[in-house]
């Protein structure tokens, strides 16, 4: 930055006058301007003569900020550690921050960074330490990370209630199952389902089982097949012996 300012080769301001001035007058005005607005007098108000115009050309503090360069550096550092920029207050994250994004960023930190670290630390323990506790007559020993108290991994209360309510209304869980999901104690008579058709409580053991499809005709009992054949034969004989036209009876040999 110091090299940039030293080699910038741009004056801090340009002073225009209505009339042409020689070098002597220019040096006097420049010296007076420098004495009036440098050091402890920096920032004092300036009064110029009629016809004079001051145009700043130098880089201001805002120009020296380089926000894009700062955001690039922050994003690269956060990417190396797999940390969402919004969680550490980086500018690149705060520019697009909302409460929803913040919650999703907390889950992303666990899913993409912390879980992988837990696996890296857990695999050597399971491969080298657990075999020391194995053997005949010994109880099986397992290891796992306890993430039950991590708020970022907990389901929101509103989402939990919505999920349980939908399952209860569609007959997927009982009333007591619903109460357990939302953190309430079971009640007497709560082991019933709310059927979607009429939303009527019905005990689980009384739900009718599906009726099996009827067997095809070829799988019927032989007695039923014989009875059907006899009925068709009798009907055919009766048709042949029925009265013919003009009242005559036609008999067949």
Protein backbone atom coordinates (compact mmCIF):
# COMPACT_ATOMS: atom_id res chain seq x y z
CA UNK A 1 0.00 0.00 0.00
CA UNK A 2 2.84 2.42 0.83
CA UNK A 3 4.44 1.69 -2.57
CA UNK A 4 1.14 2.30 -4.31
CA UNK A 5 0.67 5.68 -2.67
CA UNK A 6 4.27 6.75 -3.32
CA UNK A 7 4.20 5.79 -7.01
CA UNK A 8 0.61 6.76 -7.75
CA UNK A 9 1.82 9.94 -9.56
CA UNK A 10 -1.52 11.73 -9.18
CA UNK A 11 -1.89 15.05 -7.34
CA UNK A 12 -4.29 15.23 -4.45
CA UNK A 13 -6.26 18.09 -6.01
CA UNK A 14 -6.32 20.38 -9.03
CA UNK A 15 -6.94 24.11 -8.52
CA UNK A 16 -8.29 25.95 -11.53
CA UNK A 17 -8.15 29.76 -11.82
CA UNK A 18 -10.14 32.09 -14.02
CA UNK A 19 -7.01 33.95 -15.18
CA UNK A 20 -3.68 32.57 -16.27
CA UNK A 21 -0.94 32.59 -13.60
CA UNK A 22 2.80 32.17 -13.88
CA UNK A 23 5.02 29.72 -11.99
CA UNK A 24 5.78 32.18 -9.21
CA UNK A 25 2.11 32.64 -8.36
CA UNK A 26 1.55 28.91 -8.67
CA UNK A 27 4.32 28.12 -6.18
CA UNK A 28 2.93 30.67 -3.72
CA UNK A 29 -0.59 29.23 -3.96
CA UNK A 30 0.69 25.69 -3.59
CA UNK A 31 2.72 26.59 -0.50
CA UNK A 32 -0.18 28.42 1.07
CA UNK A 33 -2.52 25.49 0.38
CA UNK A 34 -0.09 22.99 1.87
CA UNK A 35 0.47 25.08 5.00
CA UNK A 36 -3.28 25.57 5.46
CA UNK A 37 -4.44 21.96 5.08
CA UNK A 38 -1.65 19.61 6.16
CA UNK A 39 -0.64 18.36 9.57
CA UNK A 40 -2.92 19.43 12.41
CA UNK A 41 -4.94 21.64 10.01
CA UNK A 42 -5.99 18.73 7.83
CA UNK A 43 -9.72 18.88 7.18
CA UNK A 44 -10.15 22.59 7.84
CA UNK A 45 -12.62 24.41 5.57
CA UNK A 46 -11.16 26.11 2.50
CA UNK A 47 -12.18 29.47 1.06
CA UNK A 48 -11.17 30.14 -2.53
CA UNK A 49 -11.33 33.32 -4.56
CA UNK A 50 -13.92 33.95 -7.22
CA UNK A 51 -13.07 32.03 -10.38
CA UNK A 52 -11.07 29.35 -8.58
CA UNK A 53 -12.25 25.73 -8.61
CA UNK A 54 -10.81 22.83 -6.58
CA UNK A 55 -11.17 19.28 -7.96
CA UNK A 56 -9.90 16.36 -5.80
CA UNK A 57 -8.00 13.67 -7.69
CA UNK A 58 -6.27 11.63 -5.01
CA UNK A 59 -7.50 8.35 -3.58
CA UNK A 60 -9.84 8.66 -0.63
CA UNK A 61 -10.09 6.21 2.27
CA UNK A 62 -13.10 4.64 0.56
CA UNK A 63 -11.04 4.06 -2.58
CA UNK A 64 -8.26 2.47 -0.53
CA UNK A 65 -10.62 -0.05 1.07
CA UNK A 66 -10.67 -2.51 -1.87
CA UNK A 67 -13.77 -4.40 -0.59
CA UNK A 68 -13.64 -7.06 -3.31
CA UNK A 69 -10.03 -7.93 -2.48
CA UNK A 70 -10.90 -8.18 1.20
CA UNK A 71 -13.90 -10.42 0.47
CA UNK A 72 -11.78 -12.68 -1.72
CA UNK A 73 -9.20 -13.19 1.02
CA UNK A 74 -11.85 -13.92 3.64
CA UNK A 75 -13.68 -16.42 1.43
CA UNK A 76 -10.46 -18.31 0.63
CA UNK A 77 -9.53 -18.59 4.30
CA UNK A 78 -13.00 -19.81 5.26
CA UNK A 79 -12.95 -22.34 2.42
CA UNK A 80 -9.70 -23.87 3.69
CA UNK A 81 -11.23 -24.52 7.12
CA UNK A 82 -14.68 -25.39 5.65
CA UNK A 83 -16.35 -22.73 7.78
CA UNK A 84 -19.23 -20.69 6.29
CA UNK A 85 -18.13 -17.01 6.22
CA UNK A 86 -21.35 -15.85 7.86
CA UNK A 87 -20.49 -17.71 11.09
CA UNK A 88 -17.22 -15.83 11.64
CA UNK A 89 -18.58 -12.40 10.68
CA UNK A 90 -16.68 -12.20 7.39
CA UNK A 91 -17.82 -9.47 5.01
CA UNK A 92 -18.48 -11.91 2.17
CA UNK A 93 -20.94 -13.74 4.42
CA UNK A 94 -22.56 -10.74 6.07
CA UNK A 95 -23.39 -9.19 2.69
CA UNK A 96 -25.87 -12.03 2.08
CA UNK A 97 -26.79 -12.90 5.65
CA UNK A 98 -30.32 -13.66 6.83
CA UNK A 99 -31.63 -15.60 9.80
CA UNK A 100 -32.49 -18.50 7.49
CA UNK A 101 -29.03 -18.52 5.94
CA UNK A 102 -27.42 -18.43 9.37
CA UNK A 103 -29.33 -21.51 10.52
CA UNK A 104 -28.46 -23.42 7.36
CA UNK A 105 -24.82 -22.36 7.70
CA UNK A 106 -24.64 -23.86 11.19
CA UNK A 107 -25.88 -27.20 9.87
CA UNK A 108 -23.47 -26.99 6.94
CA UNK A 109 -20.55 -26.50 9.33
CA UNK A 110 -21.38 -29.78 11.08
CA UNK A 111 -22.17 -31.77 7.95
CA UNK A 112 -19.14 -30.74 5.91
CA UNK A 113 -16.46 -29.98 8.50
CA UNK A 114 -17.09 -31.34 11.98
CA UNK A 115 -18.53 -34.71 10.97
CA UNK A 116 -15.47 -35.41 8.82
CA UNK A 117 -13.19 -34.49 11.73
CA UNK A 118 -15.14 -36.81 14.00
CA UNK A 119 -14.68 -39.66 11.56
CA UNK A 120 -10.95 -38.95 11.32
CA UNK A 121 -10.58 -39.09 15.10
CA UNK A 122 -12.98 -41.97 15.55
CA UNK A 123 -11.53 -44.42 13.03
CA UNK A 124 -8.16 -44.87 14.80
CA UNK A 125 -9.94 -45.40 18.11
CA UNK A 126 -12.16 -48.13 16.66
CA UNK A 127 -9.25 -49.73 14.79
CA UNK A 128 -6.61 -49.65 17.55
CA UNK A 129 -8.27 -49.17 20.92
CA UNK A 130 -11.48 -51.22 20.72
CA UNK A 131 -9.69 -54.52 19.95
CA UNK A 132 -8.09 -54.25 23.40
CA UNK A 133 -11.55 -54.68 24.94
CA UNK A 134 -12.61 -57.58 22.70
CA UNK A 135 -12.46 -61.21 23.75
CA UNK A 136 -14.48 -64.21 24.89
CA UNK A 137 -16.80 -63.42 27.75
CA UNK A 138 -16.44 -59.67 27.42
CA UNK A 139 -19.26 -57.33 26.70
CA UNK A 140 -19.12 -55.67 23.31
CA UNK A 141 -17.80 -52.11 23.47
CA UNK A 142 -18.68 -49.43 20.90
CA UNK A 143 -17.77 -45.78 20.53
CA UNK A 144 -19.70 -42.90 19.07
CA UNK A 145 -19.81 -39.12 19.27
CA UNK A 146 -22.56 -37.68 21.45
CA UNK A 147 -24.05 -34.84 19.40
CA UNK A 148 -27.41 -34.85 21.16
CA UNK A 149 -26.79 -31.45 22.78
CA UNK A 150 -25.80 -29.69 19.55
CA UNK A 151 -28.50 -27.10 18.92
CA UNK A 152 -27.67 -26.81 15.22
CA UNK A 153 -28.57 -30.49 14.70
CA UNK A 154 -31.83 -30.39 16.63
CA UNK A 155 -35.08 -30.22 14.77
CA UNK A 156 -36.95 -26.96 15.20
CA UNK A 157 -40.01 -27.17 17.43
CA UNK A 158 -42.28 -25.84 14.70
CA UNK A 159 -40.99 -28.42 12.20
CA UNK A 160 -41.35 -31.20 14.77
CA UNK A 161 -44.98 -30.28 15.49
CA UNK A 162 -45.80 -30.00 11.79
CA UNK A 163 -44.28 -33.41 11.01
CA UNK A 164 -46.06 -35.10 13.90
CA UNK A 165 -49.39 -33.43 13.09
CA UNK A 166 -49.27 -34.57 9.47
CA UNK A 167 -48.48 -38.14 10.52
CA UNK A 168 -51.32 -38.13 13.06
CA UNK A 169 -53.89 -36.70 10.61
CA UNK A 170 -53.01 -39.35 8.00
CA UNK A 171 -53.30 -42.26 10.41
CA UNK A 172 -49.58 -42.97 10.50
CA UNK A 173 -49.12 -42.70 14.28
CA UNK A 174 -51.35 -42.94 17.34
CA UNK A 175 -52.29 -40.06 19.60
CA UNK A 176 -49.78 -41.21 22.22
CA UNK A 177 -47.06 -41.50 19.55
CA UNK A 178 -47.81 -37.90 18.61
CA UNK A 179 -47.53 -36.81 22.23
CA UNK A 180 -44.18 -38.57 22.65
CA UNK A 181 -42.77 -36.87 19.54
CA UNK A 182 -43.71 -33.39 20.77
CA UNK A 183 -42.50 -34.10 24.30
CA UNK A 184 -45.82 -34.72 26.07
CA UNK A 185 -46.77 -37.60 28.36
CA UNK A 186 -49.04 -40.39 27.02
CA UNK A 187 -52.70 -40.37 28.06
CA UNK A 188 -55.15 -43.15 28.80
CA UNK A 189 -56.97 -44.26 25.66
CA UNK A 190 -54.45 -42.57 23.42
CA UNK A 191 -53.35 -45.72 21.56
CA UNK A 192 -55.78 -45.01 18.71
CA UNK A 193 -55.37 -43.84 15.15
CA UNK A 194 -57.20 -40.98 13.48
CA UNK A 195 -58.37 -42.43 10.19
CA UNK A 196 -58.12 -39.91 7.32
CA UNK A 197 -61.55 -40.73 5.81
CA UNK A 198 -63.71 -39.57 8.71
CA UNK A 199 -61.02 -38.56 11.18
CA UNK A 200 -62.58 -41.04 13.65
CA UNK A 201 -60.47 -42.63 16.42
CA UNK A 202 -60.21 -46.39 16.06
CA UNK A 203 -58.14 -48.84 18.16
CA UNK A 204 -55.13 -50.18 16.33
CA UNK A 205 -56.07 -53.83 16.88
CA UNK A 206 -59.50 -53.28 15.24
CA UNK A 207 -58.24 -52.01 11.89
CA UNK A 208 -59.55 -54.45 9.29
CA UNK A 209 -56.97 -56.50 7.44
CA UNK A 210 -57.03 -56.33 3.61
CA UNK A 211 -59.35 -58.91 1.98
CA UNK A 212 -57.44 -61.30 -0.28
CA UNK A 213 -58.44 -61.45 -3.94
CA UNK A 214 -60.73 -64.27 -5.02
CA UNK A 215 -59.05 -67.26 -6.58
CA UNK A 216 -59.41 -67.61 -10.37
CA UNK A 217 -61.93 -70.05 -11.84
CA UNK A 218 -59.32 -72.69 -12.64
CA UNK A 219 -58.39 -72.90 -8.94
CA UNK A 220 -62.00 -73.63 -7.77
CA UNK A 221 -62.88 -76.89 -6.10
CA UNK A 222 -63.76 -79.84 -8.43
CA UNK A 223 -67.29 -80.08 -6.90
CA UNK A 224 -68.09 -76.52 -7.99
CA UNK A 225 -66.85 -77.20 -11.50
CA UNK A 226 -69.05 -80.31 -11.76
CA UNK A 227 -72.13 -78.45 -10.55
CA UNK A 228 -71.60 -75.70 -13.08
CA UNK A 229 -71.24 -78.27 -15.88
CA UNK A 230 -74.47 -80.04 -14.84
CA UNK A 231 -76.45 -76.81 -14.87
CA UNK A 232 -75.25 -75.93 -18.37
CA UNK A 233 -76.15 -79.43 -19.64
CA UNK A 234 -79.70 -79.27 -18.23
CA UNK A 235 -80.25 -75.85 -19.79
CA UNK A 236 -79.13 -77.16 -23.22
CA UNK A 237 -81.53 -80.14 -23.06
CA UNK A 238 -84.43 -77.92 -22.09
CA UNK A 239 -83.76 -75.65 -25.04
CA UNK A 240 -83.85 -78.56 -27.50
CA UNK A 241 -87.23 -79.86 -26.17
CA UNK A 242 -88.98 -76.48 -26.08
CA UNK A 243 -92.14 -75.98 -28.32
CA UNK A 244 -91.38 -74.91 -31.90
CA UNK A 245 -93.22 -72.43 -34.12
CA UNK A 246 -97.01 -72.81 -34.95
CA UNK A 247 -97.57 -74.83 -31.75
CA UNK A 248 -95.86 -77.99 -33.04
CA UNK A 249 -93.46 -79.80 -30.89
CA UNK A 250 -90.21 -80.62 -32.54
CA UNK A 251 -88.58 -83.66 -31.12
CA UNK A 252 -85.06 -84.64 -31.89
CA UNK A 253 -83.67 -88.12 -32.02
